Amino acid sequence: MSKKDKARSGLIEKEDSILVIVDMQERLFPVMAEKEALVDQVMKLVKFAKIVGLPTIMTEQEKLGPTLPGIKEELRSVPPVPR
C-alpha cells in the first residue's frame, strides 16, 4: 500500500505514534473516577506498546508523588518527565 493510499485509509502509522501516560500518580489515585478500570486500561496500553515497540513517555506533576507502582514497574526503563 502506498503512502497516499495509507493516508486515505485514515489509519495512523506506528512510526508517527507515541503513547503518553499523563499523571498516573499516587496522590491523584484516590480521586480518579473508576480508578481500578482506568489503571487496568493503562496497563493494557503500556503492555501493548511494549509488544509493538511503540515509544512511550510518562509525566509526573512534582507535587503529586510518584507514578503508581504497577505502571512505574512496567515502565521502569522510561524516566518520568516532570511538569
PDB file of N, CA and C in Angstrom:
ATOM      1  N   MET A   1       0.845  -1.176   0.000  1.00  0.00           N
ATOM      2  CA  MET A   1       0.000   0.000   0.000  1.00  0.00           C
ATOM      3  C   MET A   1       0.890   1.238   0.000  1.00  0.00           C
ATOM      4  N   SER A   2       0.621   2.156  -0.902  1.00  0.00           N
ATOM      5  CA  SER A   2       1.430   3.372  -0.993  1.00  0.00           C
ATOM      6  C   SER A   2       1.102   4.312   0.160  1.00  0.00           C
ATOM      7  N   LYS A   3       1.995   5.279   0.402  1.00  0.00           N
ATOM      8  CA  LYS A   3       1.756   6.263   1.457  1.00  0.00           C
ATOM      9  C   LYS A   3       0.461   7.031   1.217  1.00  0.00           C
ATOM     10  N   LYS A   4       0.197   7.325  -0.041  1.00  0.00           N
ATOM     11  CA  LYS A   4      -1.019   8.057  -0.382  1.00  0.00           C
ATOM     12  C   LYS A   4      -2.263   7.228  -0.035  1.00  0.00           C
ATOM     13  N   ASP A   5      -2.214   5.932  -0.341  1.00  0.00           N
ATOM     14  CA  ASP A   5      -3.334   5.044  -0.014  1.00  0.00           C
ATOM     15  C   ASP A   5      -3.502   4.918   1.500  1.00  0.00           C
ATOM     16  N   LYS A   6      -2.385   4.834   2.227  1.00  0.00           N
ATOM     17  CA  LYS A   6      -2.450   4.746   3.684  1.00  0.00           C
ATOM     18  C   LYS A   6      -3.073   6.009   4.269  1.00  0.00           C
ATOM     19  N   ALA A   7      -2.711   7.157   3.730  1.00  0.00           N
ATOM     20  CA  ALA A   7      -3.277   8.417   4.217  1.00  0.00           C
ATOM     21  C   ALA A   7      -4.781   8.450   3.990  1.00  0.00           C
ATOM     22  N   ARG A   8      -5.214   7.949   2.885  1.00  0.00           N
ATOM     23  CA  ARG A   8      -6.652   7.910   2.588  1.00  0.00           C
ATOM     24  C   ARG A   8      -7.398   6.950   3.500  1.00  0.00           C
ATOM     25  N   SER A   9      -6.719   5.899   3.952  1.00  0.00           N
ATOM     26  CA  SER A   9      -7.381   4.895   4.783  1.00  0.00           C
ATOM     27  C   SER A   9      -7.737   5.443   6.159  1.00  0.00           C
ATOM     28  N   GLY A  10      -7.088   6.531   6.574  1.00  0.00           N
ATOM     29  CA  GLY A  10      -7.342   7.107   7.882  1.00  0.00           C
ATOM     30  C   GLY A  10      -6.584   6.416   9.004  1.00  0.00           C
ATOM     31  N   LEU A  11      -5.776   5.406   8.691  1.00  0.00           N
ATOM     32  CA  LEU A  11      -5.016   4.694   9.706  1.00  0.00           C
ATOM     33  C   LEU A  11      -3.720   5.432  10.009  1.00  0.00           C
ATOM     34  N   ILE A  12      -3.314   5.390  11.264  1.00  0.00           N
ATOM     35  CA  ILE A  12      -2.046   6.012  11.631  1.00  0.00           C
ATOM     36  C   ILE A  12      -0.940   4.980  11.569  1.00  0.00           C
ATOM     37  N   GLU A  13       0.254   5.441  11.380  1.00  0.00           N
ATOM     38  CA  GLU A  13       1.430   4.579  11.309  1.00  0.00           C
ATOM     39  C   GLU A  13       2.106   4.532  12.682  1.00  0.00           C
ATOM     40  N   LYS A  14       2.670   3.389  13.010  1.00  0.00           N
ATOM     41  CA  LYS A  14       3.388   3.239  14.266  1.00  0.00           C
ATOM     42  C   LYS A  14       4.525   4.266  14.360  1.00  0.00           C
ATOM     43  N   GLU A  15       5.173   4.509  13.256  1.00  0.00           N
ATOM     44  CA  GLU A  15       6.301   5.442  13.234  1.00  0.00           C
ATOM     45  C   GLU A  15       5.873   6.872  13.540  1.00  0.00           C
ATOM     46  N   ASP A  16       4.593   7.173  13.409  1.00  0.00           N
ATOM     47  CA  ASP A  16       4.072   8.517  13.666  1.00  0.00           C
ATOM     48  C   ASP A  16       3.323   8.584  15.000  1.00  0.00           C
ATOM     49  N   SER A  17       3.527   7.587  15.866  1.00  0.00           N
ATOM     50  CA  SER A  17       2.742   7.477  17.088  1.00  0.00           C
ATOM     51  C   SER A  17       3.623   7.382  18.324  1.00  0.00           C
ATOM     52  N   ILE A  18       3.024   7.743  19.457  1.00  0.00           N
ATOM     53  CA  ILE A  18       3.682   7.623  20.754  1.00  0.00           C
ATOM     54  C   ILE A  18       2.588   7.467  21.807  1.00  0.00           C
ATOM     55  N   LEU A  19       2.859   6.695  22.835  1.00  0.00           N
ATOM     56  CA  LEU A  19       1.936   6.561  23.959  1.00  0.00           C
ATOM     57  C   LEU A  19       2.395   7.515  25.046  1.00  0.00           C
ATOM     58  N   VAL A  20       1.484   8.354  25.523  1.00  0.00           N
ATOM     59  CA  VAL A  20       1.791   9.312  26.584  1.00  0.00           C
ATOM     60  C   VAL A  20       0.921   8.976  27.792  1.00  0.00           C
ATOM     61  N   ILE A  21       1.560   8.661  28.892  1.00  0.00           N
ATOM     62  CA  ILE A  21       0.878   8.384  30.154  1.00  0.00           C
ATOM     63  C   ILE A  21       1.008   9.646  31.000  1.00  0.00           C
ATOM     64  N   VAL A  22      -0.124  10.271  31.310  1.00  0.00           N
ATOM     65  CA  VAL A  22      -0.116  11.573  31.980  1.00  0.00           C
ATOM     66  C   VAL A  22      -0.587  11.451  33.429  1.00  0.00           C
ATOM     67  N   ASP A  23       0.308  11.759  34.351  1.00  0.00           N
ATOM     68  CA  ASP A  23      -0.016  11.955  35.770  1.00  0.00           C
ATOM     69  C   ASP A  23      -0.800  10.816  36.417  1.00  0.00           C
ATOM     70  N   MET A  24      -0.367   9.600  36.208  1.00  0.00           N
ATOM     71  CA  MET A  24      -0.982   8.452  36.899  1.00  0.00           C
ATOM     72  C   MET A  24      -0.259   8.292  38.237  1.00  0.00           C
ATOM     73  N   GLN A  25      -0.531   9.210  39.155  1.00  0.00           N
ATOM     74  CA  GLN A  25       0.247   9.332  40.384  1.00  0.00           C
ATOM     75  C   GLN A  25      -0.544   8.990  41.638  1.00  0.00           C
ATOM     76  N   GLU A  26       0.202   8.631  42.685  1.00  0.00           N
ATOM     77  CA  GLU A  26      -0.377   8.150  43.929  1.00  0.00           C
ATOM     78  C   GLU A  26      -1.347   9.129  44.575  1.00  0.00           C
ATOM     79  N   ARG A  27      -1.036  10.397  44.602  1.00  0.00           N
ATOM     80  CA  ARG A  27      -1.928  11.365  45.259  1.00  0.00           C
ATOM     81  C   ARG A  27      -3.188  11.641  44.448  1.00  0.00           C
ATOM     82  N   LEU A  28      -3.138  11.409  43.156  1.00  0.00           N
ATOM     83  CA  LEU A  28      -4.331  11.592  42.324  1.00  0.00           C
ATOM     84  C   LEU A  28      -5.236  10.368  42.350  1.00  0.00           C
ATOM     85  N   PHE A  29      -4.655   9.217  42.608  1.00  0.00           N
ATOM     86  CA  PHE A  29      -5.393   7.959  42.505  1.00  0.00           C
ATOM     87  C   PHE A  29      -6.690   7.931  43.315  1.00  0.00           C
ATOM     88  N   PRO A  30      -6.698   8.384  44.567  1.00  0.00           N
ATOM     89  CA  PRO A  30      -7.939   8.296  45.349  1.00  0.00           C
ATOM     90  C   PRO A  30      -9.120   9.069  44.752  1.00  0.00           C
ATOM     91  N   VAL A  31      -8.872  10.093  43.958  1.00  0.00           N
ATOM     92  CA  VAL A  31      -9.967  10.904  43.416  1.00  0.00           C
ATOM     93  C   VAL A  31     -10.269  10.615  41.942  1.00  0.00           C
ATOM     94  N   MET A  32      -9.590   9.619  41.376  1.00  0.00           N
ATOM     95  CA  MET A  32      -9.846   9.253  39.983  1.00  0.00           C
ATOM     96  C   MET A  32     -11.177   8.512  39.869  1.00  0.00           C
ATOM     97  N   ALA A  33     -11.957   8.868  38.860  1.00  0.00           N
ATOM     98  CA  ALA A  33     -13.201   8.144  38.588  1.00  0.00           C
ATOM     99  C   ALA A  33     -12.865   6.767  38.026  1.00  0.00           C
ATOM    100  N   GLU A  34     -13.569   5.758  38.491  1.00  0.00           N
ATOM    101  CA  GLU A  34     -13.379   4.380  38.016  1.00  0.00           C
ATOM    102  C   GLU A  34     -11.903   4.000  37.985  1.00  0.00           C
ATOM    103  N   LYS A  35     -11.243   4.288  39.086  1.00  0.00           N
ATOM    104  CA  LYS A  35      -9.781   4.164  39.152  1.00  0.00           C
ATOM    105  C   LYS A  35      -9.235   2.776  38.829  1.00  0.00           C
ATOM    106  N   GLU A  36      -9.888   1.733  39.308  1.00  0.00           N
ATOM    107  CA  GLU A  36      -9.377   0.388  39.046  1.00  0.00           C
ATOM    108  C   GLU A  36      -9.441   0.067  37.552  1.00  0.00           C
ATOM    109  N   ALA A  37     -10.561   0.411  36.912  1.00  0.00           N
ATOM    110  CA  ALA A  37     -10.709   0.172  35.475  1.00  0.00           C
ATOM    111  C   ALA A  37      -9.705   1.019  34.690  1.00  0.00           C
ATOM    112  N   LEU A  38      -9.493   2.248  35.138  1.00  0.00           N
ATOM    113  CA  LEU A  38      -8.542   3.138  34.465  1.00  0.00           C
ATOM    114  C   LEU A  38      -7.133   2.557  34.510  1.00  0.00           C
ATOM    115  N   VAL A  39      -6.717   2.112  35.686  1.00  0.00           N
ATOM    116  CA  VAL A  39      -5.374   1.531  35.818  1.00  0.00           C
ATOM    117  C   VAL A  39      -5.255   0.274  34.953  1.00  0.00           C
ATOM    118  N   ASP A  40      -6.292  -0.562  34.944  1.00  0.00           N
ATOM    119  CA  ASP A  40      -6.267  -1.761  34.101  1.00  0.00           C
ATOM    120  C   ASP A  40      -6.082  -1.404  32.635  1.00  0.00           C
ATOM    121  N   GLN A  41      -6.791  -0.385  32.174  1.00  0.00           N
ATOM    122  CA  GLN A  41      -6.694   0.024  30.768  1.00  0.00           C
ATOM    123  C   GLN A  41      -5.323   0.618  30.453  1.00  0.00           C
ATOM    124  N   VAL A  42      -4.795   1.421  31.368  1.00  0.00           N
ATOM    125  CA  VAL A  42      -3.454   1.990  31.159  1.00  0.00           C
ATOM    126  C   VAL A  42      -2.422   0.872  31.091  1.00  0.00           C
ATOM    127  N   MET A  43      -2.540  -0.113  31.969  1.00  0.00           N
ATOM    128  CA  MET A  43      -1.597  -1.241  31.951  1.00  0.00           C
ATOM    129  C   MET A  43      -1.685  -2.011  30.630  1.00  0.00           C
ATOM    130  N   LYS A  44      -2.882  -2.201  30.124  1.00  0.00           N
ATOM    131  CA  LYS A  44      -3.038  -2.876  28.825  1.00  0.00           C
ATOM    132  C   LYS A  44      -2.359  -2.079  27.719  1.00  0.00           C
ATOM    133  N   LEU A  45      -2.551  -0.755  27.730  1.00  0.00           N
ATOM    134  CA  LEU A  45      -1.919   0.097  26.719  1.00  0.00           C
ATOM    135  C   LEU A  45      -0.399   0.038  26.814  1.00  0.00           C
ATOM    136  N   VAL A  46       0.119   0.090  28.032  1.00  0.00           N
ATOM    137  CA  VAL A  46       1.570   0.048  28.242  1.00  0.00           C
ATOM    138  C   VAL A  46       2.146  -1.280  27.744  1.00  0.00           C
ATOM    139  N   LYS A  47       1.492  -2.379  28.083  1.00  0.00           N
ATOM    140  CA  LYS A  47       1.973  -3.695  27.643  1.00  0.00           C
ATOM    141  C   LYS A  47       1.895  -3.836  26.125  1.00  0.00           C
ATOM    142  N   PHE A  48       0.809  -3.344  25.537  1.00  0.00           N
ATOM    143  CA  PHE A  48       0.676  -3.378  24.079  1.00  0.00           C
ATOM    144  C   PHE A  48       1.786  -2.559  23.427  1.00  0.00           C
ATOM    145  N   ALA A  49       2.037  -1.364  23.952  1.00  0.00           N
ATOM    146  CA  ALA A  49       3.087  -0.507  23.394  1.00  0.00           C
ATOM    147  C   ALA A  49       4.439  -1.208  23.431  1.00  0.00           C
ATOM    148  N   LYS A  50       4.717  -1.929  24.516  1.00  0.00           N
ATOM    149  CA  LYS A  50       5.982  -2.661  24.606  1.00  0.00           C
ATOM    150  C   LYS A  50       6.051  -3.768  23.561  1.00  0.00           C
ATOM    151  N   ILE A  51       4.949  -4.477  23.360  1.00  0.00           N
ATOM    152  CA  ILE A  51       4.918  -5.582  22.392  1.00  0.00           C
ATOM    153  C   ILE A  51       5.184  -5.092  20.971  1.00  0.00           C
ATOM    154  N   VAL A  52       4.550  -3.974  20.595  1.00  0.00           N
ATOM    155  CA  VAL A  52       4.683  -3.488  19.214  1.00  0.00           C
ATOM    156  C   VAL A  52       5.821  -2.494  19.035  1.00  0.00           C
ATOM    157  N   GLY A  53       6.541  -2.177  20.131  1.00  0.00           N
ATOM    158  CA  GLY A  53       7.679  -1.272  20.024  1.00  0.00           C
ATOM    159  C   GLY A  53       7.296   0.186  19.885  1.00  0.00           C
ATOM    160  N   LEU A  54       6.168   0.563  20.462  1.00  0.00           N
ATOM    161  CA  LEU A  54       5.699   1.943  20.406  1.00  0.00           C
ATOM    162  C   LEU A  54       6.403   2.764  21.483  1.00  0.00           C
ATOM    163  N   PRO A  55       7.026   3.869  21.126  1.00  0.00           N
ATOM    164  CA  PRO A  55       7.682   4.698  22.140  1.00  0.00           C
ATOM    165  C   PRO A  55       6.656   5.182  23.163  1.00  0.00           C
ATOM    166  N   THR A  56       7.088   5.254  24.416  1.00  0.00           N
ATOM    167  CA  THR A  56       6.203   5.656  25.498  1.00  0.00           C
ATOM    168  C   THR A  56       6.901   6.675  26.380  1.00  0.00           C
ATOM    169  N   ILE A  57       6.152   7.692  26.798  1.00  0.00           N
ATOM    170  CA  ILE A  57       6.641   8.627  27.807  1.00  0.00           C
ATOM    171  C   ILE A  57       5.572   8.735  28.888  1.00  0.00           C
ATOM    172  N   MET A  58       5.999   9.134  30.083  1.00  0.00           N
ATOM    173  CA  MET A  58       5.034   9.390  31.149  1.00  0.00           C
ATOM    174  C   MET A  58       5.426  10.679  31.848  1.00  0.00           C
ATOM    175  N   THR A  59       4.406  11.375  32.321  1.00  0.00           N
ATOM    176  CA  THR A  59       4.650  12.624  33.025  1.00  0.00           C
ATOM    177  C   THR A  59       4.291  12.461  34.489  1.00  0.00           C
ATOM    178  N   GLU A  60       4.916  13.298  35.313  1.00  0.00           N
ATOM    179  CA  GLU A  60       4.588  13.368  36.732  1.00  0.00           C
ATOM    180  C   GLU A  60       4.572  14.832  37.153  1.00  0.00           C
ATOM    181  N   GLN A  61       3.496  15.221  37.841  1.00  0.00           N
ATOM    182  CA  GLN A  61       3.488  16.541  38.464  1.00  0.00           C
ATOM    183  C   GLN A  61       4.326  16.435  39.734  1.00  0.00           C
ATOM    184  N   GLU A  62       5.173  17.395  39.960  1.00  0.00           N
ATOM    185  CA  GLU A  62       6.143  17.309  41.051  1.00  0.00           C
ATOM    186  C   GLU A  62       5.511  17.166  42.432  1.00  0.00           C
ATOM    187  N   LYS A  63       4.348  17.736  42.657  1.00  0.00           N
ATOM    188  CA  LYS A  63       3.753  17.731  43.996  1.00  0.00           C
ATOM    189  C   LYS A  63       2.795  16.570  44.241  1.00  0.00           C
ATOM    190  N   LEU A  64       2.622  15.683  43.273  1.00  0.00           N
ATOM    191  CA  LEU A  64       1.620  14.632  43.409  1.00  0.00           C
ATOM    192  C   LEU A  64       2.193  13.236  43.638  1.00  0.00           C
ATOM    193  N   GLY A  65       3.463  13.162  43.982  1.00  0.00           N
ATOM    194  CA  GLY A  65       4.060  11.873  44.285  1.00  0.00           C
ATOM    195  C   GLY A  65       4.441  11.096  43.045  1.00  0.00           C
ATOM    196  N   PRO A  66       4.941   9.888  43.261  1.00  0.00           N
ATOM    197  CA  PRO A  66       5.411   9.068  42.137  1.00  0.00           C
ATOM    198  C   PRO A  66       4.253   8.443  41.354  1.00  0.00           C
ATOM    199  N   THR A  67       4.588   7.955  40.179  1.00  0.00           N
ATOM    200  CA  THR A  67       3.647   7.185  39.358  1.00  0.00           C
ATOM    201  C   THR A  67       3.237   5.938  40.137  1.00  0.00           C
ATOM    202  N   LEU A  68       2.004   5.493  39.928  1.00  0.00           N
ATOM    203  CA  LEU A  68       1.508   4.291  40.599  1.00  0.00           C
ATOM    204  C   LEU A  68       2.488   3.135  40.404  1.00  0.00           C
ATOM    205  N   PRO A  69       2.726   2.348  41.450  1.00  0.00           N
ATOM    206  CA  PRO A  69       3.778   1.322  41.410  1.00  0.00           C
ATOM    207  C   PRO A  69       3.693   0.342  40.235  1.00  0.00           C
ATOM    208  N   GLY A  70       2.519  -0.189  39.915  1.00  0.00           N
ATOM    209  CA  GLY A  70       2.408  -1.158  38.820  1.00  0.00           C
ATOM    210  C   GLY A  70       2.797  -0.571  37.483  1.00  0.00           C
ATOM    211  N   ILE A  71       2.371   0.657  37.252  1.00  0.00           N
ATOM    212  CA  ILE A  71       2.697   1.346  35.994  1.00  0.00           C
ATOM    213  C   ILE A  71       4.187   1.675  35.957  1.00  0.00           C
ATOM    214  N   LYS A  72       4.683   2.187  37.079  1.00  0.00           N
ATOM    215  CA  LYS A  72       6.104   2.551  37.145  1.00  0.00           C
ATOM    216  C   LYS A  72       6.992   1.323  36.912  1.00  0.00           C
ATOM    217  N   GLU A  73       6.606   0.189  37.487  1.00  0.00           N
ATOM    218  CA  GLU A  73       7.382  -1.043  37.307  1.00  0.00           C
ATOM    219  C   GLU A  73       7.365  -1.480  35.840  1.00  0.00           C
ATOM    220  N   GLU A  74       6.196  -1.409  35.219  1.00  0.00           N
ATOM    221  CA  GLU A  74       6.080  -1.806  33.812  1.00  0.00           C
ATOM    222  C   GLU A  74       6.895  -0.879  32.912  1.00  0.00           C
ATOM    223  N   LEU A  75       7.048   0.375  33.327  1.00  0.00           N
ATOM    224  CA  LEU A  75       7.793   1.369  32.537  1.00  0.00           C
ATOM    225  C   LEU A  75       9.127   1.727  33.206  1.00  0.00           C
ATOM    226  N   ARG A  76       9.741   0.745  33.857  1.00  0.00           N
ATOM    227  CA  ARG A  76      10.966   1.025  34.632  1.00  0.00           C
ATOM    228  C   ARG A  76      12.089   1.618  33.781  1.00  0.00           C
ATOM    229  N   SER A  77      12.088   1.387  32.492  1.00  0.00           N
ATOM    230  CA  SER A  77      13.147   1.946  31.641  1.00  0.00           C
ATOM    231  C   SER A  77      12.784   3.329  31.092  1.00  0.00           C
ATOM    232  N   VAL A  78      11.595   3.822  31.468  1.00  0.00           N
ATOM    233  CA  VAL A  78      11.139   5.132  30.978  1.00  0.00           C
ATOM    234  C   VAL A  78      11.201   6.145  32.121  1.00  0.00           C
ATOM    235  N   PRO A  79      12.113   7.095  32.054  1.00  0.00           N
ATOM    236  CA  PRO A  79      12.163   8.097  33.119  1.00  0.00           C
ATOM    237  C   PRO A  79      10.976   9.053  33.004  1.00  0.00           C
ATOM    238  N   PRO A  80      10.328   9.385  34.138  1.00  0.00           N
ATOM    239  CA  PRO A  80       9.197  10.305  34.063  1.00  0.00           C
ATOM    240  C   PRO A  80       9.647  11.712  33.680  1.00  0.00           C
ATOM    241  N   VAL A  81       8.783  12.396  32.954  1.00  0.00           N
ATOM    242  CA  VAL A  81       9.024  13.787  32.575  1.00  0.00           C
ATOM    243  C   VAL A  81       8.342  14.652  33.628  1.00  0.00           C
ATOM    244  N   PRO A  82       9.111  15.407  34.415  1.00  0.00           N
ATOM    245  CA  PRO A  82       8.480  16.247  35.439  1.00  0.00           C
ATOM    246  C   PRO A  82       7.769  17.439  34.806  1.00  0.00           C
ATOM    247  N   ARG A  83       6.679  17.829  35.461  1.00  0.00           N
ATOM    248  CA  ARG A  83       5.985  19.032  34.985  1.00  0.00           C
ATOM    249  C   ARG A  83       5.445  19.817  36.144  1.00  0.00           C
TER     250      ARG A  83
END
